[in-house]
Structures are given as structure tokens and as C-alpha cells.
Amino acid sequence: MRVLGIDPGIQRMGYGLIEAQNDRYMVVECGQIQIPPSSEFAIRLKTIHETVEQLIQRFCPEAVVIEETYVTNNAKTTLRLGHARGVILLAVVEHSIQVFEYAPREIKQAIVGNGSASKSQVQWMVSQILSLDPKSLTEDAADALAVALCHSFRNSH
């Protein structure tokens, strides 16, 4: 199964496509999309939507998985992140692909075994599971791969 994980953001968005077969997981591609901070907010949302469309067209995933919104101390940041998630979800459903969402704690629990794990612990564990150099992974790409792995782990049994 081809699973596209997305770590949403309004300045950086991580993505990671994995092939999951039985209990084997392979990275097809992962990376981080920079969204110009100087762009108007509506243009950033358009860029995010178009980028997700391009990823879907290029990879033809069977499922897309996205991290649920976490509430920050800054209401404006939380709201903007919700907008970014909205255009990502829209791009996915426009292609009639199943979309799944997982809470950050659930993802950390699935990957590290601890729902309070740090970003660096998640990044390290993702690199171990997928046989990657941890230094080659950005935090956003590692988070996106973690989301995809979480879904694959939850649905392989």
C-alpha cells in the first residue's frame, strides 16, 4: 500500500511517501516544501493546495494521512494551521482518496512507544524503522513519515 503522510504547516510542509507491504516499509520519497513567508496568506493556502495536488498526481497514493491540529498558545497560529489542513483535505478528497487523521500523541506512541516523545526521538526512530540517515531527514519530513508509518502500523494487523 502506498501511503502519503503530510505534516501540515503554513511556512513549511513535510511530506513522506512510503510503500507498506506486510511488515516491510520503504520510503519512496520524502521532503519539505517551503512556502514563501512573504506571500499573502491566501496565496500560501493556494500553494499548499497545489503542492498536495501535485504530490497526489505524481505518487498516486492509496491513502493520505495527516496530523490532527494541535492547539497552540497562539490562537492565530492554530487557526492558520487549521486553514492549511483544510486545503490539504480538500485536495485529497477532490481525488477521491481516503484520508486519515491521527493526533500527535498517537503518532508518537506508535513510532516511539511514548506519546510524549520529543521531535528528535521521533526523527531518530523513523530513521531506524526506514533505514535512513537521521541527519538526512528534516523534522517536517520525519514527522510526515511518522504519520504515514502510524497509519500503516494501525492497519497492518
N, C-alpha and C. Protein backbone atom coordinates (compact mmCIF):
# COMPACT_ATOMS: atom_id res chain seq x y z
N MET A 1 0.84 -1.18 0.00
CA MET A 1 0.00 0.00 0.00
C MET A 1 0.89 1.25 0.00
N ARG A 2 0.53 2.19 -0.86
CA ARG A 2 1.26 3.47 -0.93
C ARG A 2 0.55 4.47 -0.03
N VAL A 3 1.28 4.98 0.97
CA VAL A 3 0.71 5.90 1.95
C VAL A 3 1.49 7.21 1.93
N LEU A 4 0.77 8.30 1.72
CA LEU A 4 1.37 9.62 1.73
C LEU A 4 1.06 10.29 3.06
N GLY A 5 2.09 10.58 3.82
CA GLY A 5 1.95 11.29 5.09
C GLY A 5 2.25 12.76 4.88
N ILE A 6 1.47 13.61 5.54
CA ILE A 6 1.68 15.05 5.41
C ILE A 6 1.73 15.68 6.80
N ASP A 7 2.76 16.48 7.02
CA ASP A 7 2.89 17.28 8.23
C ASP A 7 2.55 18.71 7.82
N PRO A 8 1.33 19.16 8.13
CA PRO A 8 0.89 20.47 7.63
C PRO A 8 1.62 21.63 8.29
N GLY A 9 1.72 22.71 7.54
CA GLY A 9 2.31 23.94 8.06
C GLY A 9 2.02 25.08 7.10
N ILE A 10 2.12 26.29 7.60
CA ILE A 10 1.86 27.44 6.74
C ILE A 10 3.14 28.06 6.19
N GLN A 11 4.30 27.64 6.73
CA GLN A 11 5.58 28.09 6.17
C GLN A 11 6.39 26.93 5.62
N ARG A 12 6.23 25.77 6.26
CA ARG A 12 6.91 24.55 5.81
C ARG A 12 5.91 23.40 5.93
N MET A 13 5.90 22.54 4.94
CA MET A 13 5.04 21.37 4.96
C MET A 13 5.90 20.16 4.65
N GLY A 14 5.85 19.17 5.54
CA GLY A 14 6.59 17.94 5.31
C GLY A 14 5.72 16.93 4.59
N TYR A 15 6.35 16.10 3.77
CA TYR A 15 5.63 15.02 3.11
C TYR A 15 6.52 13.79 3.09
N GLY A 16 5.89 12.63 3.08
CA GLY A 16 6.64 11.38 3.01
C GLY A 16 5.77 10.29 2.44
N LEU A 17 6.23 9.67 1.38
CA LEU A 17 5.50 8.56 0.77
C LEU A 17 6.23 7.27 1.09
N ILE A 18 5.47 6.33 1.65
CA ILE A 18 6.04 5.01 1.93
C ILE A 18 5.25 3.93 1.21
N GLU A 19 5.95 2.85 0.94
CA GLU A 19 5.33 1.62 0.43
C GLU A 19 5.30 0.68 1.62
N ALA A 20 4.12 0.24 1.98
CA ALA A 20 3.97 -0.69 3.10
C ALA A 20 3.47 -2.01 2.56
N GLN A 21 4.24 -3.07 2.82
CA GLN A 21 3.85 -4.39 2.36
C GLN A 21 4.17 -5.38 3.48
N ASN A 22 3.11 -6.01 4.02
CA ASN A 22 3.23 -6.86 5.19
C ASN A 22 3.84 -6.03 6.32
N ASP A 23 4.97 -6.43 6.84
CA ASP A 23 5.62 -5.65 7.89
C ASP A 23 6.89 -4.98 7.37
N ARG A 24 6.92 -4.69 6.07
CA ARG A 24 8.08 -4.02 5.47
C ARG A 24 7.66 -2.64 5.01
N TYR A 25 8.52 -1.67 5.28
CA TYR A 25 8.23 -0.28 4.96
C TYR A 25 9.42 0.32 4.22
N MET A 26 9.13 0.95 3.10
CA MET A 26 10.18 1.55 2.29
C MET A 26 9.79 2.97 1.93
N VAL A 27 10.74 3.88 2.02
CA VAL A 27 10.50 5.27 1.63
C VAL A 27 10.61 5.37 0.12
N VAL A 28 9.59 5.95 -0.50
CA VAL A 28 9.65 6.25 -1.93
C VAL A 28 10.26 7.63 -2.10
N GLU A 29 9.76 8.58 -1.32
CA GLU A 29 10.30 9.94 -1.34
C GLU A 29 9.79 10.69 -0.13
N CYS A 30 10.61 11.61 0.35
CA CYS A 30 10.17 12.48 1.42
C CYS A 30 10.87 13.83 1.25
N GLY A 31 10.30 14.83 1.87
CA GLY A 31 10.90 16.15 1.77
C GLY A 31 10.10 17.20 2.51
N GLN A 32 10.50 18.40 2.25
CA GLN A 32 9.89 19.55 2.91
C GLN A 32 9.63 20.62 1.86
N ILE A 33 8.44 21.15 1.86
CA ILE A 33 8.07 22.21 0.94
C ILE A 33 8.14 23.53 1.69
N GLN A 34 8.90 24.46 1.15
CA GLN A 34 8.99 25.81 1.73
C GLN A 34 7.91 26.67 1.10
N ILE A 35 7.15 27.35 1.93
CA ILE A 35 6.12 28.25 1.44
C ILE A 35 6.60 29.66 1.75
N PRO A 36 6.77 30.50 0.74
CA PRO A 36 7.35 31.83 0.98
C PRO A 36 6.58 32.62 2.05
N PRO A 37 7.26 32.98 3.15
CA PRO A 37 6.58 33.70 4.22
C PRO A 37 6.15 35.11 3.81
N SER A 38 6.72 35.61 2.74
CA SER A 38 6.36 36.96 2.27
C SER A 38 5.04 36.95 1.48
N SER A 39 4.57 35.75 1.10
CA SER A 39 3.32 35.65 0.34
C SER A 39 2.13 36.00 1.23
N GLU A 40 1.09 36.54 0.60
CA GLU A 40 -0.16 36.75 1.32
C GLU A 40 -0.67 35.40 1.80
N PHE A 41 -1.43 35.40 2.88
CA PHE A 41 -1.90 34.15 3.46
C PHE A 41 -2.71 33.33 2.47
N ALA A 42 -3.61 33.97 1.73
CA ALA A 42 -4.44 33.25 0.75
C ALA A 42 -3.57 32.60 -0.33
N ILE A 43 -2.50 33.24 -0.72
CA ILE A 43 -1.58 32.68 -1.72
C ILE A 43 -0.84 31.49 -1.13
N ARG A 44 -0.50 31.56 0.15
CA ARG A 44 0.15 30.41 0.80
C ARG A 44 -0.78 29.20 0.76
N LEU A 45 -2.06 29.43 1.08
CA LEU A 45 -3.03 28.33 1.06
C LEU A 45 -3.16 27.74 -0.34
N LYS A 46 -3.17 28.60 -1.36
CA LYS A 46 -3.23 28.14 -2.75
C LYS A 46 -2.00 27.29 -3.08
N THR A 47 -0.83 27.73 -2.62
CA THR A 47 0.41 26.99 -2.85
C THR A 47 0.36 25.62 -2.19
N ILE A 48 -0.15 25.57 -0.97
CA ILE A 48 -0.27 24.29 -0.26
C ILE A 48 -1.20 23.36 -1.01
N HIS A 49 -2.36 23.86 -1.42
CA HIS A 49 -3.33 23.05 -2.16
C HIS A 49 -2.72 22.51 -3.45
N GLU A 50 -2.08 23.38 -4.22
CA GLU A 50 -1.48 22.96 -5.49
C GLU A 50 -0.36 21.95 -5.27
N THR A 51 0.42 22.13 -4.21
CA THR A 51 1.52 21.20 -3.92
C THR A 51 0.98 19.82 -3.58
N VAL A 52 -0.06 19.76 -2.77
CA VAL A 52 -0.65 18.47 -2.42
C VAL A 52 -1.24 17.81 -3.66
N GLU A 53 -1.89 18.59 -4.51
CA GLU A 53 -2.40 18.05 -5.78
C GLU A 53 -1.28 17.44 -6.60
N GLN A 54 -0.16 18.13 -6.70
CA GLN A 54 0.98 17.63 -7.47
C GLN A 54 1.52 16.33 -6.87
N LEU A 55 1.62 16.29 -5.53
CA LEU A 55 2.11 15.07 -4.87
C LEU A 55 1.17 13.89 -5.15
N ILE A 56 -0.13 14.14 -5.09
CA ILE A 56 -1.11 13.08 -5.35
C ILE A 56 -1.01 12.60 -6.80
N GLN A 57 -0.91 13.52 -7.73
CA GLN A 57 -0.81 13.15 -9.14
C GLN A 57 0.48 12.39 -9.43
N ARG A 58 1.56 12.79 -8.77
CA ARG A 58 2.85 12.16 -9.01
C ARG A 58 2.96 10.77 -8.38
N PHE A 59 2.41 10.62 -7.17
CA PHE A 59 2.61 9.38 -6.43
C PHE A 59 1.43 8.41 -6.45
N CYS A 60 0.23 8.89 -6.76
CA CYS A 60 -0.98 8.04 -6.76
C CYS A 60 -1.10 7.21 -5.47
N PRO A 61 -1.12 7.87 -4.32
CA PRO A 61 -1.23 7.11 -3.07
C PRO A 61 -2.60 6.49 -2.91
N GLU A 62 -2.64 5.39 -2.17
CA GLU A 62 -3.92 4.74 -1.87
C GLU A 62 -4.57 5.36 -0.64
N ALA A 63 -3.75 6.01 0.19
CA ALA A 63 -4.26 6.69 1.39
C ALA A 63 -3.37 7.90 1.66
N VAL A 64 -3.98 8.95 2.19
CA VAL A 64 -3.25 10.13 2.63
C VAL A 64 -3.53 10.30 4.11
N VAL A 65 -2.48 10.54 4.86
CA VAL A 65 -2.59 10.64 6.31
C VAL A 65 -2.02 11.99 6.74
N ILE A 66 -2.75 12.65 7.64
CA ILE A 66 -2.37 13.98 8.07
C ILE A 66 -2.45 14.05 9.60
N GLU A 67 -1.54 14.81 10.16
CA GLU A 67 -1.56 15.01 11.60
C GLU A 67 -2.72 15.92 11.97
N GLU A 68 -3.44 15.55 13.03
CA GLU A 68 -4.54 16.40 13.51
C GLU A 68 -3.98 17.71 14.05
N THR A 69 -4.83 18.71 14.10
CA THR A 69 -4.42 20.01 14.63
C THR A 69 -4.16 19.90 16.12
N TYR A 70 -3.07 20.49 16.53
CA TYR A 70 -2.81 20.61 17.96
C TYR A 70 -3.03 22.08 18.31
N VAL A 71 -3.51 22.34 19.49
CA VAL A 71 -3.81 23.70 19.90
C VAL A 71 -2.56 24.32 20.51
N THR A 72 -2.17 25.46 19.97
CA THR A 72 -1.01 26.18 20.50
C THR A 72 -1.50 27.29 21.42
N ASN A 73 -0.56 27.95 22.05
CA ASN A 73 -0.91 29.08 22.91
C ASN A 73 -1.34 30.29 22.08
N ASN A 74 -1.00 30.28 20.81
CA ASN A 74 -1.33 31.39 19.93
C ASN A 74 -2.53 30.99 19.07
N ALA A 75 -3.68 31.58 19.36
CA ALA A 75 -4.92 31.23 18.65
C ALA A 75 -4.81 31.49 17.15
N LYS A 76 -4.13 32.57 16.77
CA LYS A 76 -3.99 32.90 15.35
C LYS A 76 -3.20 31.81 14.62
N THR A 77 -2.15 31.31 15.24
CA THR A 77 -1.34 30.24 14.64
C THR A 77 -2.16 28.97 14.49
N THR A 78 -2.92 28.62 15.53
CA THR A 78 -3.77 27.43 15.47
C THR A 78 -4.79 27.55 14.36
N LEU A 79 -5.41 28.72 14.24
CA LEU A 79 -6.42 28.94 13.20
C LEU A 79 -5.80 28.83 11.81
N ARG A 80 -4.63 29.43 11.62
CA ARG A 80 -3.96 29.38 10.32
C ARG A 80 -3.57 27.94 9.96
N LEU A 81 -3.12 27.19 10.96
CA LEU A 81 -2.78 25.79 10.71
C LEU A 81 -4.04 25.01 10.31
N GLY A 82 -5.16 25.34 10.92
CA GLY A 82 -6.43 24.72 10.55
C GLY A 82 -6.81 25.02 9.11
N HIS A 83 -6.53 26.24 8.66
CA HIS A 83 -6.79 26.60 7.26
C HIS A 83 -5.91 25.75 6.33
N ALA A 84 -4.64 25.59 6.70
CA ALA A 84 -3.72 24.79 5.88
C ALA A 84 -4.21 23.34 5.80
N ARG A 85 -4.63 22.80 6.93
CA ARG A 85 -5.16 21.43 6.94
C ARG A 85 -6.40 21.33 6.04
N GLY A 86 -7.23 22.38 6.07
CA GLY A 86 -8.44 22.38 5.25
C GLY A 86 -8.15 22.27 3.77
N VAL A 87 -7.17 23.03 3.28
CA VAL A 87 -6.88 22.96 1.84
C VAL A 87 -6.18 21.65 1.48
N ILE A 88 -5.46 21.08 2.44
CA ILE A 88 -4.85 19.76 2.20
C ILE A 88 -5.96 18.71 2.08
N LEU A 89 -6.90 18.73 3.02
CA LEU A 89 -8.01 17.77 2.99
C LEU A 89 -8.83 17.93 1.72
N LEU A 90 -9.05 19.16 1.31
CA LEU A 90 -9.79 19.42 0.08
C LEU A 90 -9.08 18.79 -1.12
N ALA A 91 -7.78 18.98 -1.22
CA ALA A 91 -7.03 18.40 -2.35
C ALA A 91 -7.15 16.88 -2.37
N VAL A 92 -7.13 16.27 -1.20
CA VAL A 92 -7.21 14.81 -1.13
C VAL A 92 -8.59 14.32 -1.55
N VAL A 93 -9.65 14.92 -1.00
CA VAL A 93 -10.99 14.43 -1.33
C VAL A 93 -11.38 14.75 -2.77
N GLU A 94 -10.78 15.78 -3.35
CA GLU A 94 -11.03 16.06 -4.77
C GLU A 94 -10.55 14.92 -5.67
N HIS A 95 -9.61 14.13 -5.15
CA HIS A 95 -9.08 12.99 -5.90
C HIS A 95 -9.70 11.67 -5.43
N SER A 96 -10.71 11.76 -4.57
CA SER A 96 -11.42 10.57 -4.06
C SER A 96 -10.48 9.57 -3.41
N ILE A 97 -9.52 10.08 -2.66
CA ILE A 97 -8.58 9.23 -1.93
C ILE A 97 -8.98 9.25 -0.46
N GLN A 98 -8.86 8.10 0.18
CA GLN A 98 -9.17 8.04 1.61
C GLN A 98 -8.18 8.87 2.39
N VAL A 99 -8.68 9.65 3.34
CA VAL A 99 -7.83 10.46 4.18
C VAL A 99 -8.03 10.04 5.63
N PHE A 100 -6.93 9.97 6.36
CA PHE A 100 -6.95 9.57 7.76
C PHE A 100 -6.21 10.62 8.57
N GLU A 101 -6.63 10.77 9.82
CA GLU A 101 -6.01 11.77 10.70
C GLU A 101 -5.65 11.11 12.02
N TYR A 102 -4.49 11.47 12.55
CA TYR A 102 -4.03 10.96 13.83
C TYR A 102 -3.52 12.11 14.68
N ALA A 103 -3.78 12.01 15.97
CA ALA A 103 -3.32 13.01 16.93
C ALA A 103 -1.81 12.87 17.13
N PRO A 104 -1.12 13.97 17.42
CA PRO A 104 0.33 13.90 17.64
C PRO A 104 0.74 12.86 18.69
N ARG A 105 0.01 12.77 19.79
CA ARG A 105 0.34 11.80 20.85
C ARG A 105 0.23 10.35 20.33
N GLU A 106 -0.79 10.10 19.51
CA GLU A 106 -1.00 8.76 18.97
C GLU A 106 0.15 8.38 18.01
N ILE A 107 0.59 9.36 17.23
CA ILE A 107 1.70 9.13 16.30
C ILE A 107 2.97 8.81 17.08
N LYS A 108 3.27 9.62 18.08
CA LYS A 108 4.47 9.41 18.89
C LYS A 108 4.42 8.06 19.60
N GLN A 109 3.24 7.69 20.09
CA GLN A 109 3.08 6.40 20.76
C GLN A 109 3.35 5.25 19.80
N ALA A 110 2.84 5.37 18.57
CA ALA A 110 3.02 4.31 17.57
C ALA A 110 4.48 4.18 17.13
N ILE A 111 5.18 5.30 17.03
CA ILE A 111 6.54 5.28 16.50
C ILE A 111 7.59 5.03 17.58
N VAL A 112 7.46 5.73 18.70
CA VAL A 112 8.48 5.68 19.74
C VAL A 112 8.06 4.82 20.93
N GLY A 113 6.73 4.64 21.09
CA GLY A 113 6.25 3.92 22.26
C GLY A 113 5.99 4.83 23.44
N ASN A 114 6.04 6.15 23.18
CA ASN A 114 5.83 7.15 24.22
C ASN A 114 5.12 8.34 23.60
N GLY A 115 3.89 8.60 24.03
CA GLY A 115 3.11 9.70 23.48
C GLY A 115 3.65 11.08 23.77
N SER A 116 4.64 11.16 24.65
CA SER A 116 5.26 12.45 24.98
C SER A 116 6.67 12.57 24.38
N ALA A 117 7.00 11.73 23.44
CA ALA A 117 8.35 11.73 22.85
C ALA A 117 8.66 13.08 22.20
N SER A 118 9.93 13.41 22.17
CA SER A 118 10.38 14.66 21.54
C SER A 118 10.46 14.48 20.03
N LYS A 119 10.55 15.62 19.34
CA LYS A 119 10.69 15.57 17.88
C LYS A 119 11.95 14.82 17.48
N SER A 120 13.03 15.02 18.23
CA SER A 120 14.29 14.35 17.88
C SER A 120 14.18 12.84 18.09
N GLN A 121 13.42 12.40 19.10
CA GLN A 121 13.22 10.96 19.30
C GLN A 121 12.41 10.36 18.15
N VAL A 122 11.38 11.08 17.71
CA VAL A 122 10.58 10.62 16.58
C VAL A 122 11.45 10.55 15.33
N GLN A 123 12.22 11.59 15.10
CA GLN A 123 13.10 11.65 13.93
C GLN A 123 14.08 10.47 13.93
N TRP A 124 14.68 10.18 15.07
CA TRP A 124 15.64 9.09 15.17
C TRP A 124 14.95 7.75 14.91
N MET A 125 13.78 7.54 15.54
CA MET A 125 13.10 6.26 15.40
C MET A 125 12.61 6.03 13.96
N VAL A 126 12.11 7.09 13.33
CA VAL A 126 11.70 6.98 11.92
C VAL A 126 12.89 6.56 11.06
N SER A 127 14.05 7.16 11.33
CA SER A 127 15.24 6.82 10.54
C SER A 127 15.64 5.37 10.76
N GLN A 128 15.45 4.84 11.97
CA GLN A 128 15.78 3.45 12.26
C GLN A 128 14.82 2.49 11.56
N ILE A 129 13.52 2.80 11.63
CA ILE A 129 12.50 1.94 11.03
C ILE A 129 12.68 1.87 9.51
N LEU A 130 13.04 3.01 8.91
CA LEU A 130 13.11 3.10 7.44
C LEU A 130 14.54 3.02 6.90
N SER A 131 15.50 2.72 7.77
CA SER A 131 16.92 2.59 7.38
C SER A 131 17.42 3.84 6.66
N LEU A 132 17.19 4.99 7.28
CA LEU A 132 17.64 6.27 6.72
C LEU A 132 18.68 6.89 7.63
N ASP A 133 19.49 7.76 7.07
CA ASP A 133 20.42 8.54 7.87
C ASP A 133 19.61 9.63 8.57
N PRO A 134 19.61 9.65 9.92
CA PRO A 134 18.79 10.64 10.63
C PRO A 134 19.16 12.08 10.28
N LYS A 135 20.41 12.30 9.88
CA LYS A 135 20.84 13.66 9.53
C LYS A 135 20.28 14.11 8.18
N SER A 136 19.83 13.14 7.39
CA SER A 136 19.29 13.48 6.05
C SER A 136 17.82 13.87 6.12
N LEU A 137 17.19 13.70 7.28
CA LEU A 137 15.77 13.98 7.44
C LEU A 137 15.54 15.33 8.10
N THR A 138 14.72 16.15 7.50
CA THR A 138 14.28 17.36 8.20
C THR A 138 13.22 16.93 9.22
N GLU A 139 12.97 17.78 10.21
CA GLU A 139 11.93 17.46 11.19
C GLU A 139 10.58 17.28 10.52
N ASP A 140 10.27 18.14 9.54
CA ASP A 140 8.97 18.08 8.88
C ASP A 140 8.82 16.80 8.06
N ALA A 141 9.86 16.39 7.35
CA ALA A 141 9.81 15.15 6.58
C ALA A 141 9.70 13.95 7.53
N ALA A 142 10.45 13.98 8.63
CA ALA A 142 10.36 12.89 9.61
C ALA A 142 8.96 12.79 10.21
N ASP A 143 8.36 13.94 10.51
CA ASP A 143 7.00 13.95 11.05
C ASP A 143 6.01 13.38 10.03
N ALA A 144 6.18 13.73 8.76
CA ALA A 144 5.28 13.22 7.72
C ALA A 144 5.44 11.70 7.56
N LEU A 145 6.67 11.23 7.60
CA LEU A 145 6.90 9.78 7.52
C LEU A 145 6.33 9.08 8.75
N ALA A 146 6.44 9.72 9.91
CA ALA A 146 5.89 9.15 11.15
C ALA A 146 4.37 8.99 11.04
N VAL A 147 3.70 9.98 10.46
CA VAL A 147 2.25 9.91 10.28
C VAL A 147 1.90 8.74 9.37
N ALA A 148 2.64 8.60 8.26
CA ALA A 148 2.39 7.51 7.32
C ALA A 148 2.65 6.15 7.98
N LEU A 149 3.73 6.05 8.76
CA LEU A 149 4.04 4.81 9.45
C LEU A 149 2.98 4.47 10.49
N CYS A 150 2.54 5.48 11.23
CA CYS A 150 1.50 5.26 12.24
C CYS A 150 0.27 4.62 11.59
N HIS A 151 -0.15 5.16 10.48
CA HIS A 151 -1.31 4.61 9.77
C HIS A 151 -1.03 3.18 9.32
N SER A 152 0.15 2.94 8.78
CA SER A 152 0.50 1.61 8.30
C SER A 152 0.53 0.61 9.44
N PHE A 153 1.09 1.01 10.58
CA PHE A 153 1.13 0.12 11.75
C PHE A 153 -0.29 -0.21 12.22
N ARG A 154 -1.14 0.79 12.26
CA ARG A 154 -2.52 0.62 12.76
C ARG A 154 -3.35 -0.25 11.82
N ASN A 155 -2.98 -0.31 10.56
CA ASN A 155 -3.80 -1.02 9.58
C ASN A 155 -3.15 -2.29 9.03
N SER A 156 -2.05 -2.71 9.62
CA SER A 156 -1.38 -3.92 9.12
C SER A 156 -1.80 -5.16 9.90
N HIS A 157 -2.53 -4.96 10.96
CA HIS A 157 -2.91 -6.12 11.80
C HIS A 157 -4.35 -6.46 11.67
